[in-house]
């Protein structure tokens, strides 16, 4: 499946997302990359059935000004409602307070994080999106999430000395699917075998290739 990937922001260079998704290329996915938001448009997005959203709301690693507001948020919400899917990864949940439509689409947004620390990622036993995954611990930003949809289907938690947070969930919007994974500030987290499996499972679910038990 041809997949559009949005990445590159002031705290997460494009190389992070490119490196983290590289092992999955060729497993039925071809990734097309958008780093400059000027290369994104709602019309271009319509060529794809799946978007990977790995970009906080600033333009690039060197330009922290916002690139998306409510107009862009409505475009993403309409895209999913029409029957497409978005996988939000780590910083893709961050700094979109000026876009209520996009924040609601995610089901929960970044509220902050403590200094990097050891974070344990804990997949829910028996959940389809956790298949083949085991708990692991690594140095990461422990994202604190402000949930806005009480009906999300949680399949992942993260824990550290700062408590436990939701770290992975799915939800539906119109005819489409939304999935969120919050770990991943550092490349070793992305490349951890269990996290690679989570990425694979989530991409497959977004593409409609897993059992109905993963839907909400």
C-alpha atoms as a PDB file:
ATOM      1  CA  UNK A   1       0.000   0.000   0.000  1.00  0.00           C
ATOM      2  CA  UNK A   2       1.275   3.458  -0.900  1.00  0.00           C
ATOM      3  CA  UNK A   3       1.395   5.395   2.379  1.00  0.00           C
ATOM      4  CA  UNK A   4       1.905   9.127   2.848  1.00  0.00           C
ATOM      5  CA  UNK A   5       4.217   9.966   5.763  1.00  0.00           C
ATOM      6  CA  UNK A   6       4.315  13.424   7.373  1.00  0.00           C
ATOM      7  CA  UNK A   7       7.437  13.967   9.477  1.00  0.00           C
ATOM      8  CA  UNK A   8      10.158  16.407  10.591  1.00  0.00           C
ATOM      9  CA  UNK A   9       9.595  18.887  13.399  1.00  0.00           C
ATOM     10  CA  UNK A  10      11.677  21.006  15.760  1.00  0.00           C
ATOM     11  CA  UNK A  11      12.409  18.152  18.206  1.00  0.00           C
ATOM     12  CA  UNK A  12      12.167  15.141  15.878  1.00  0.00           C
ATOM     13  CA  UNK A  13      14.143  15.199  12.628  1.00  0.00           C
ATOM     14  CA  UNK A  14      12.853  13.369   9.587  1.00  0.00           C
ATOM     15  CA  UNK A  15      15.712  10.891   9.984  1.00  0.00           C
ATOM     16  CA  UNK A  16      13.985   9.533  13.108  1.00  0.00           C
ATOM     17  CA  UNK A  17      10.809   8.530  11.281  1.00  0.00           C
ATOM     18  CA  UNK A  18      12.672   7.437   8.175  1.00  0.00           C
ATOM     19  CA  UNK A  19      14.980   5.238  10.223  1.00  0.00           C
ATOM     20  CA  UNK A  20      12.159   3.820  12.313  1.00  0.00           C
ATOM     21  CA  UNK A  21       9.995   2.866   9.348  1.00  0.00           C
ATOM     22  CA  UNK A  22      12.843   1.667   7.108  1.00  0.00           C
ATOM     23  CA  UNK A  23      12.668  -1.976   8.292  1.00  0.00           C
ATOM     24  CA  UNK A  24       8.979  -2.069   7.331  1.00  0.00           C
ATOM     25  CA  UNK A  25       9.484  -0.832   3.771  1.00  0.00           C
ATOM     26  CA  UNK A  26       8.862  -3.599   1.313  1.00  0.00           C
ATOM     27  CA  UNK A  27       6.498  -5.494   3.624  1.00  0.00           C
ATOM     28  CA  UNK A  28       3.589  -4.427   1.470  1.00  0.00           C
ATOM     29  CA  UNK A  29       4.148  -0.709   2.139  1.00  0.00           C
ATOM     30  CA  UNK A  30       5.707   1.991   0.010  1.00  0.00           C
ATOM     31  CA  UNK A  31       6.305   5.223   1.904  1.00  0.00           C
ATOM     32  CA  UNK A  32       6.050   8.624   0.240  1.00  0.00           C
ATOM     33  CA  UNK A  33       7.504  11.387   2.388  1.00  0.00           C
ATOM     34  CA  UNK A  34       6.359  14.920   3.210  1.00  0.00           C
ATOM     35  CA  UNK A  35       8.782  16.927   5.348  1.00  0.00           C
ATOM     36  CA  UNK A  36       7.980  20.445   4.118  1.00  0.00           C
ATOM     37  CA  UNK A  37       4.302  21.106   4.919  1.00  0.00           C
ATOM     38  CA  UNK A  38       4.160  23.175   1.771  1.00  0.00           C
ATOM     39  CA  UNK A  39       4.251  19.850  -0.073  1.00  0.00           C
ATOM     40  CA  UNK A  40       1.117  18.643   1.720  1.00  0.00           C
ATOM     41  CA  UNK A  41      -2.403  19.386   0.555  1.00  0.00           C
ATOM     42  CA  UNK A  42      -5.804  17.849   1.166  1.00  0.00           C
ATOM     43  CA  UNK A  43      -5.960  17.078  -2.545  1.00  0.00           C
ATOM     44  CA  UNK A  44      -2.648  15.230  -2.536  1.00  0.00           C
ATOM     45  CA  UNK A  45      -3.678  13.283   0.558  1.00  0.00           C
ATOM     46  CA  UNK A  46      -6.705  11.908  -1.283  1.00  0.00           C
ATOM     47  CA  UNK A  47      -4.379   9.801  -3.447  1.00  0.00           C
ATOM     48  CA  UNK A  48      -3.619   7.628  -0.400  1.00  0.00           C
ATOM     49  CA  UNK A  49      -5.735   5.362   1.784  1.00  0.00           C
ATOM     50  CA  UNK A  50      -3.297   5.590   4.705  1.00  0.00           C
ATOM     51  CA  UNK A  51      -1.349   8.456   6.292  1.00  0.00           C
ATOM     52  CA  UNK A  52       1.386   8.090   8.905  1.00  0.00           C
ATOM     53  CA  UNK A  53       1.363  11.301  10.940  1.00  0.00           C
ATOM     54  CA  UNK A  54       4.724  11.762  12.701  1.00  0.00           C
ATOM     55  CA  UNK A  55       5.011  15.547  12.772  1.00  0.00           C
ATOM     56  CA  UNK A  56       4.353  17.964  15.632  1.00  0.00           C
ATOM     57  CA  UNK A  57       2.766  21.276  14.781  1.00  0.00           C
ATOM     58  CA  UNK A  58       5.842  23.116  13.599  1.00  0.00           C
ATOM     59  CA  UNK A  59       7.249  23.397  10.146  1.00  0.00           C
ATOM     60  CA  UNK A  60      10.660  21.746  10.446  1.00  0.00           C
ATOM     61  CA  UNK A  61      13.694  21.086  12.609  1.00  0.00           C
ATOM     62  CA  UNK A  62      14.783  24.682  12.020  1.00  0.00           C
ATOM     63  CA  UNK A  63      11.402  26.450  11.985  1.00  0.00           C
ATOM     64  CA  UNK A  64       9.128  26.044  15.012  1.00  0.00           C
ATOM     65  CA  UNK A  65       6.218  28.064  13.626  1.00  0.00           C
ATOM     66  CA  UNK A  66       2.921  26.125  13.360  1.00  0.00           C
ATOM     67  CA  UNK A  67       1.903  24.679  10.016  1.00  0.00           C
ATOM     68  CA  UNK A  68      -1.635  23.455  10.803  1.00  0.00           C
ATOM     69  CA  UNK A  69      -4.730  25.031  12.315  1.00  0.00           C
ATOM     70  CA  UNK A  70      -8.427  24.186  12.216  1.00  0.00           C
ATOM     71  CA  UNK A  71      -8.690  24.283   8.413  1.00  0.00           C
ATOM     72  CA  UNK A  72      -6.027  21.604   8.091  1.00  0.00           C
ATOM     73  CA  UNK A  73      -7.527  19.659  10.998  1.00  0.00           C
ATOM     74  CA  UNK A  74     -10.903  19.488   9.296  1.00  0.00           C
ATOM     75  CA  UNK A  75      -9.207  18.183   6.153  1.00  0.00           C
ATOM     76  CA  UNK A  76      -7.686  15.290   8.103  1.00  0.00           C
ATOM     77  CA  UNK A  77     -10.983  14.573   9.866  1.00  0.00           C
ATOM     78  CA  UNK A  78     -12.842  14.572   6.537  1.00  0.00           C
ATOM     79  CA  UNK A  79     -10.190  12.301   5.036  1.00  0.00           C
ATOM     80  CA  UNK A  80     -10.733   9.671   7.733  1.00  0.00           C
ATOM     81  CA  UNK A  81     -14.510  10.045   7.774  1.00  0.00           C
ATOM     82  CA  UNK A  82     -14.536   9.172   4.073  1.00  0.00           C
ATOM     83  CA  UNK A  83     -13.053   5.739   4.831  1.00  0.00           C
ATOM     84  CA  UNK A  84      -9.294   6.304   5.026  1.00  0.00           C
ATOM     85  CA  UNK A  85      -6.928   5.773   7.971  1.00  0.00           C
ATOM     86  CA  UNK A  86      -4.286   7.671   9.949  1.00  0.00           C
ATOM     87  CA  UNK A  87      -1.583   6.263  12.223  1.00  0.00           C
ATOM     88  CA  UNK A  88      -0.389   8.984  14.628  1.00  0.00           C
ATOM     89  CA  UNK A  89       3.120   8.392  15.976  1.00  0.00           C
ATOM     90  CA  UNK A  90       4.745  10.106  18.985  1.00  0.00           C
ATOM     91  CA  UNK A  91       5.172  13.798  18.113  1.00  0.00           C
ATOM     92  CA  UNK A  92       2.243  13.608  15.707  1.00  0.00           C
ATOM     93  CA  UNK A  93       0.044  14.053  18.784  1.00  0.00           C
ATOM     94  CA  UNK A  94       1.753  17.276  19.893  1.00  0.00           C
ATOM     95  CA  UNK A  95       0.931  20.985  19.768  1.00  0.00           C
ATOM     96  CA  UNK A  96      -2.327  20.805  17.803  1.00  0.00           C
ATOM     97  CA  UNK A  97      -4.388  22.721  20.380  1.00  0.00           C
ATOM     98  CA  UNK A  98      -5.377  25.250  17.706  1.00  0.00           C
ATOM     99  CA  UNK A  99      -7.063  22.482  15.726  1.00  0.00           C
ATOM    100  CA  UNK A 100      -9.961  21.028  17.749  1.00  0.00           C
ATOM    101  CA  UNK A 101     -10.963  18.785  14.848  1.00  0.00           C
ATOM    102  CA  UNK A 102      -7.529  17.184  14.700  1.00  0.00           C
ATOM    103  CA  UNK A 103      -7.306  16.831  18.483  1.00  0.00           C
ATOM    104  CA  UNK A 104     -10.696  15.097  18.596  1.00  0.00           C
ATOM    105  CA  UNK A 105      -9.688  12.861  15.699  1.00  0.00           C
ATOM    106  CA  UNK A 106      -6.709  11.564  17.694  1.00  0.00           C
ATOM    107  CA  UNK A 107      -8.816  10.757  20.762  1.00  0.00           C
ATOM    108  CA  UNK A 108      -6.054  12.074  23.011  1.00  0.00           C
ATOM    109  CA  UNK A 109      -3.250  14.599  22.681  1.00  0.00           C
ATOM    110  CA  UNK A 110       0.177  15.327  24.134  1.00  0.00           C
ATOM    111  CA  UNK A 111       0.039  17.297  27.387  1.00  0.00           C
ATOM    112  CA  UNK A 112       3.749  17.269  28.268  1.00  0.00           C
ATOM    113  CA  UNK A 113       6.573  14.997  29.337  1.00  0.00           C
ATOM    114  CA  UNK A 114       9.180  14.844  32.115  1.00  0.00           C
ATOM    115  CA  UNK A 115      12.895  14.648  31.281  1.00  0.00           C
ATOM    116  CA  UNK A 116      13.846  11.521  29.376  1.00  0.00           C
ATOM    117  CA  UNK A 117      13.846   8.455  31.579  1.00  0.00           C
ATOM    118  CA  UNK A 118      13.468   4.695  31.460  1.00  0.00           C
ATOM    119  CA  UNK A 119      10.000   3.933  30.114  1.00  0.00           C
ATOM    120  CA  UNK A 120       8.415   0.488  30.053  1.00  0.00           C
ATOM    121  CA  UNK A 121       6.052  -0.194  27.166  1.00  0.00           C
ATOM    122  CA  UNK A 122       3.388  -2.731  28.090  1.00  0.00           C
ATOM    123  CA  UNK A 123       1.209  -4.304  25.356  1.00  0.00           C
ATOM    124  CA  UNK A 124      -2.205  -5.574  26.453  1.00  0.00           C
ATOM    125  CA  UNK A 125      -2.242  -9.353  26.574  1.00  0.00           C
ATOM    126  CA  UNK A 126      -4.556 -10.964  24.063  1.00  0.00           C
ATOM    127  CA  UNK A 127      -5.255  -7.819  22.044  1.00  0.00           C
ATOM    128  CA  UNK A 128      -4.916  -8.266  18.250  1.00  0.00           C
ATOM    129  CA  UNK A 129      -2.618  -5.259  17.933  1.00  0.00           C
ATOM    130  CA  UNK A 130      -0.332  -6.687  20.617  1.00  0.00           C
ATOM    131  CA  UNK A 131       0.157 -10.010  18.832  1.00  0.00           C
ATOM    132  CA  UNK A 132       3.825 -10.997  18.829  1.00  0.00           C
ATOM    133  CA  UNK A 133       4.786  -8.215  21.250  1.00  0.00           C
ATOM    134  CA  UNK A 134       6.292  -8.362  24.720  1.00  0.00           C
ATOM    135  CA  UNK A 135       6.961  -5.596  27.277  1.00  0.00           C
ATOM    136  CA  UNK A 136      10.233  -3.717  26.890  1.00  0.00           C
ATOM    137  CA  UNK A 137      12.027  -0.827  28.561  1.00  0.00           C
ATOM    138  CA  UNK A 138      14.096   1.932  26.979  1.00  0.00           C
ATOM    139  CA  UNK A 139      15.156   5.554  27.299  1.00  0.00           C
ATOM    140  CA  UNK A 140      12.342   7.726  26.008  1.00  0.00           C
ATOM    141  CA  UNK A 141      10.146  10.751  26.557  1.00  0.00           C
ATOM    142  CA  UNK A 142       7.283   9.517  28.709  1.00  0.00           C
ATOM    143  CA  UNK A 143       4.386  11.257  26.991  1.00  0.00           C
ATOM    144  CA  UNK A 144       1.612  12.415  29.312  1.00  0.00           C
ATOM    145  CA  UNK A 145      -1.647  12.287  27.381  1.00  0.00           C
ATOM    146  CA  UNK A 146      -4.875  14.283  27.698  1.00  0.00           C
ATOM    147  CA  UNK A 147      -7.555  11.865  26.531  1.00  0.00           C
ATOM    148  CA  UNK A 148     -10.702  13.339  24.993  1.00  0.00           C
ATOM    149  CA  UNK A 149     -12.520  10.174  23.901  1.00  0.00           C
ATOM    150  CA  UNK A 150     -13.461   7.819  26.764  1.00  0.00           C
ATOM    151  CA  UNK A 151     -14.314   5.066  24.290  1.00  0.00           C
ATOM    152  CA  UNK A 152     -10.912   4.505  22.668  1.00  0.00           C
ATOM    153  CA  UNK A 153      -9.754   0.896  22.506  1.00  0.00           C
ATOM    154  CA  UNK A 154      -6.517   0.831  24.524  1.00  0.00           C
ATOM    155  CA  UNK A 155      -3.951  -1.819  23.665  1.00  0.00           C
ATOM    156  CA  UNK A 156      -0.764  -0.257  25.072  1.00  0.00           C
ATOM    157  CA  UNK A 157       0.355   1.481  28.272  1.00  0.00           C
ATOM    158  CA  UNK A 158       3.649   3.099  29.211  1.00  0.00           C
ATOM    159  CA  UNK A 159       5.003   3.360  32.743  1.00  0.00           C
ATOM    160  CA  UNK A 160       7.941   5.031  34.455  1.00  0.00           C
ATOM    161  CA  UNK A 161       8.789   6.658  37.778  1.00  0.00           C
ATOM    162  CA  UNK A 162       6.250   9.286  36.678  1.00  0.00           C
ATOM    163  CA  UNK A 163       3.298   6.902  36.592  1.00  0.00           C
ATOM    164  CA  UNK A 164       1.327   5.071  33.906  1.00  0.00           C
ATOM    165  CA  UNK A 165      -0.071   6.552  30.718  1.00  0.00           C
ATOM    166  CA  UNK A 166      -2.131   5.341  27.751  1.00  0.00           C
ATOM    167  CA  UNK A 167       0.371   4.712  24.962  1.00  0.00           C
ATOM    168  CA  UNK A 168      -1.565   3.054  22.148  1.00  0.00           C
ATOM    169  CA  UNK A 169      -5.201   3.010  21.110  1.00  0.00           C
ATOM    170  CA  UNK A 170      -7.599   2.796  18.206  1.00  0.00           C
ATOM    171  CA  UNK A 171     -10.835   4.560  17.424  1.00  0.00           C
ATOM    172  CA  UNK A 172     -13.174   4.936  14.498  1.00  0.00           C
ATOM    173  CA  UNK A 173     -14.242   8.159  12.813  1.00  0.00           C
ATOM    174  CA  UNK A 174     -16.961   8.003  10.210  1.00  0.00           C
ATOM    175  CA  UNK A 175     -16.024   5.200   7.839  1.00  0.00           C
ATOM    176  CA  UNK A 176     -12.323   5.345   8.709  1.00  0.00           C
ATOM    177  CA  UNK A 177      -9.799   4.242  11.309  1.00  0.00           C
ATOM    178  CA  UNK A 178      -7.427   6.063  13.652  1.00  0.00           C
ATOM    179  CA  UNK A 179      -4.545   4.499  15.567  1.00  0.00           C
ATOM    180  CA  UNK A 180      -2.137   6.218  17.963  1.00  0.00           C
ATOM    181  CA  UNK A 181       1.261   5.149  19.343  1.00  0.00           C
ATOM    182  CA  UNK A 182       2.988   7.559  21.729  1.00  0.00           C
ATOM    183  CA  UNK A 183       6.484   6.024  22.317  1.00  0.00           C
ATOM    184  CA  UNK A 184       9.385   6.894  20.055  1.00  0.00           C
ATOM    185  CA  UNK A 185      11.528   9.936  20.788  1.00  0.00           C
ATOM    186  CA  UNK A 186      14.711   7.946  20.194  1.00  0.00           C
ATOM    187  CA  UNK A 187      15.482   5.643  17.290  1.00  0.00           C
ATOM    188  CA  UNK A 188      16.378   2.604  19.482  1.00  0.00           C
ATOM    189  CA  UNK A 189      12.750   2.563  20.666  1.00  0.00           C
ATOM    190  CA  UNK A 190      11.489   2.415  17.081  1.00  0.00           C
ATOM    191  CA  UNK A 191      13.954  -0.364  16.258  1.00  0.00           C
ATOM    192  CA  UNK A 192      13.161  -2.449  19.328  1.00  0.00           C
ATOM    193  CA  UNK A 193      11.725  -5.738  17.920  1.00  0.00           C
ATOM    194  CA  UNK A 194       8.475  -5.537  19.884  1.00  0.00           C
ATOM    195  CA  UNK A 195       7.934  -1.941  18.764  1.00  0.00           C
ATOM    196  CA  UNK A 196       8.613  -2.886  15.164  1.00  0.00           C
ATOM    197  CA  UNK A 197       5.938  -5.548  15.567  1.00  0.00           C
ATOM    198  CA  UNK A 198       3.552  -2.969  17.025  1.00  0.00           C
ATOM    199  CA  UNK A 199       4.188  -0.696  14.051  1.00  0.00           C
ATOM    200  CA  UNK A 200       3.551  -3.582  11.673  1.00  0.00           C
ATOM    201  CA  UNK A 201       0.334  -4.556  13.461  1.00  0.00           C
ATOM    202  CA  UNK A 202      -0.927  -0.974  13.528  1.00  0.00           C
ATOM    203  CA  UNK A 203      -0.205  -0.376   9.858  1.00  0.00           C
ATOM    204  CA  UNK A 204      -1.992  -3.620   9.004  1.00  0.00           C
ATOM    205  CA  UNK A 205      -4.986  -2.663  11.146  1.00  0.00           C
ATOM    206  CA  UNK A 206      -5.169   0.762   9.522  1.00  0.00           C
ATOM    207  CA  UNK A 207      -5.071  -0.944   6.141  1.00  0.00           C
ATOM    208  CA  UNK A 208      -7.932  -3.201   7.218  1.00  0.00           C
ATOM    209  CA  UNK A 209      -5.871  -6.393   7.370  1.00  0.00           C
ATOM    210  CA  UNK A 210      -6.477  -7.552  10.951  1.00  0.00           C
ATOM    211  CA  UNK A 211      -9.327  -9.119  12.862  1.00  0.00           C
ATOM    212  CA  UNK A 212     -12.358  -7.124  13.906  1.00  0.00           C
ATOM    213  CA  UNK A 213     -11.419  -7.508  17.546  1.00  0.00           C
ATOM    214  CA  UNK A 214      -9.093  -4.522  17.177  1.00  0.00           C
ATOM    215  CA  UNK A 215     -11.796  -2.070  16.171  1.00  0.00           C
ATOM    216  CA  UNK A 216     -13.890   0.132  18.395  1.00  0.00           C
END
